[in-house]
Amino acid sequence: MTNDRLTREIDRLVLTYLSLGDNAETIVRKLKKTPNAGTRGKLIAELRSLDQKRIELLDQMDGVAK
């Protein structure tokens, strides 16, 4: 893989990683305002899903960099 292509791939993964963080902030704000336990549970599950996606992206970035 060329350096230019490698840089573009890492940049794409980083942007995706950062956008997931933005989504997490929105979910946390909603979570703090939600009195319903069922809805709160769904939001927590969504946060866990976002966290898992972020970990997978970090693993991809690590694999691309090698």
C-alpha atoms as a PDB file:
ATOM      1  CA  MET A   1       0.000   0.000   0.000  1.00  0.00           C
ATOM      2  CA  THR A   2       1.422   3.411  -0.961  1.00  0.00           C
ATOM      3  CA  ASN A   3       1.998   6.093   1.659  1.00  0.00           C
ATOM      4  CA  ASP A   4      -0.665   8.320   0.104  1.00  0.00           C
ATOM      5  CA  ARG A   5      -3.257   5.560   0.094  1.00  0.00           C
ATOM      6  CA  LEU A   6      -2.297   4.559   3.642  1.00  0.00           C
ATOM      7  CA  THR A   7      -2.702   8.159   4.812  1.00  0.00           C
ATOM      8  CA  ARG A   8      -6.136   8.447   3.168  1.00  0.00           C
ATOM      9  CA  GLU A   9      -7.287   5.182   4.736  1.00  0.00           C
ATOM     10  CA  ILE A  10      -6.146   6.208   8.218  1.00  0.00           C
ATOM     11  CA  ASP A  11      -7.739   9.656   7.789  1.00  0.00           C
ATOM     12  CA  ARG A  12     -11.039   8.019   6.815  1.00  0.00           C
ATOM     13  CA  LEU A  13     -10.957   5.747   9.854  1.00  0.00           C
ATOM     14  CA  VAL A  14     -10.080   8.628  12.184  1.00  0.00           C
ATOM     15  CA  LEU A  15     -12.985  10.721  10.879  1.00  0.00           C
ATOM     16  CA  THR A  16     -15.366   7.819  11.443  1.00  0.00           C
ATOM     17  CA  TYR A  17     -13.943   7.307  14.928  1.00  0.00           C
ATOM     18  CA  LEU A  18     -14.440  10.973  15.797  1.00  0.00           C
ATOM     19  CA  SER A  19     -17.982  11.056  14.432  1.00  0.00           C
ATOM     20  CA  LEU A  20     -18.889   8.136  16.696  1.00  0.00           C
ATOM     21  CA  GLY A  21     -17.718  10.250  19.638  1.00  0.00           C
ATOM     22  CA  ASP A  22     -20.055  13.052  18.575  1.00  0.00           C
ATOM     23  CA  ASN A  23     -22.943  10.593  18.499  1.00  0.00           C
ATOM     24  CA  ALA A  24     -22.014   9.367  21.973  1.00  0.00           C
ATOM     25  CA  GLU A  25     -22.235  12.904  23.364  1.00  0.00           C
ATOM     26  CA  THR A  26     -25.759  13.262  21.983  1.00  0.00           C
ATOM     27  CA  ILE A  27     -26.817   9.925  23.465  1.00  0.00           C
ATOM     28  CA  VAL A  28     -25.381  10.835  26.879  1.00  0.00           C
ATOM     29  CA  ARG A  29     -27.291  14.139  26.859  1.00  0.00           C
ATOM     30  CA  LYS A  30     -30.523  12.276  26.078  1.00  0.00           C
ATOM     31  CA  LEU A  31     -29.703   9.660  28.704  1.00  0.00           C
ATOM     32  CA  LYS A  32     -29.412  12.299  31.432  1.00  0.00           C
ATOM     33  CA  LYS A  33     -32.851  13.688  30.515  1.00  0.00           C
ATOM     34  CA  THR A  34     -34.657  10.333  30.286  1.00  0.00           C
ATOM     35  CA  PRO A  35     -36.701   9.269  33.327  1.00  0.00           C
ATOM     36  CA  ASN A  36     -38.016   6.086  31.641  1.00  0.00           C
ATOM     37  CA  ALA A  37     -35.903   3.050  32.622  1.00  0.00           C
ATOM     38  CA  GLY A  38     -36.681   1.163  29.400  1.00  0.00           C
ATOM     39  CA  THR A  39     -35.588   4.046  27.207  1.00  0.00           C
ATOM     40  CA  ARG A  40     -32.522   4.575  29.359  1.00  0.00           C
ATOM     41  CA  GLY A  41     -31.597   0.902  28.873  1.00  0.00           C
ATOM     42  CA  LYS A  42     -31.874   1.256  25.097  1.00  0.00           C
ATOM     43  CA  LEU A  43     -29.646   4.348  25.148  1.00  0.00           C
ATOM     44  CA  ILE A  44     -27.058   2.534  27.253  1.00  0.00           C
ATOM     45  CA  ALA A  45     -27.098  -0.369  24.787  1.00  0.00           C
ATOM     46  CA  GLU A  46     -26.526   2.120  21.962  1.00  0.00           C
ATOM     47  CA  LEU A  47     -23.567   3.621  23.825  1.00  0.00           C
ATOM     48  CA  ARG A  48     -22.069   0.174  24.268  1.00  0.00           C
ATOM     49  CA  SER A  49     -22.534  -0.475  20.568  1.00  0.00           C
ATOM     50  CA  LEU A  50     -20.780   2.794  19.687  1.00  0.00           C
ATOM     51  CA  ASP A  51     -17.947   1.918  22.052  1.00  0.00           C
ATOM     52  CA  GLN A  52     -17.539  -1.476  20.363  1.00  0.00           C
ATOM     53  CA  LYS A  53     -17.465   0.185  16.928  1.00  0.00           C
ATOM     54  CA  ARG A  54     -14.779   2.596  18.142  1.00  0.00           C
ATOM     55  CA  ILE A  55     -12.671  -0.320  19.395  1.00  0.00           C
ATOM     56  CA  GLU A  56     -13.059  -2.084  16.047  1.00  0.00           C
ATOM     57  CA  LEU A  57     -11.967   1.091  14.234  1.00  0.00           C
ATOM     58  CA  LEU A  58      -8.887   1.369  16.453  1.00  0.00           C
ATOM     59  CA  ASP A  59      -8.052  -2.237  15.612  1.00  0.00           C
ATOM     60  CA  GLN A  60      -8.459  -1.457  11.885  1.00  0.00           C
ATOM     61  CA  MET A  61      -6.200   1.582  12.196  1.00  0.00           C
ATOM     62  CA  ASP A  62      -3.613  -0.529  13.961  1.00  0.00           C
ATOM     63  CA  GLY A  63      -3.810  -3.137  11.191  1.00  0.00           C
ATOM     64  CA  VAL A  64      -3.494  -0.529   8.423  1.00  0.00           C
ATOM     65  CA  ALA A  65      -0.480   1.078  10.080  1.00  0.00           C
ATOM     66  CA  LYS A  66       1.437  -2.229  10.211  1.00  0.00           C
END
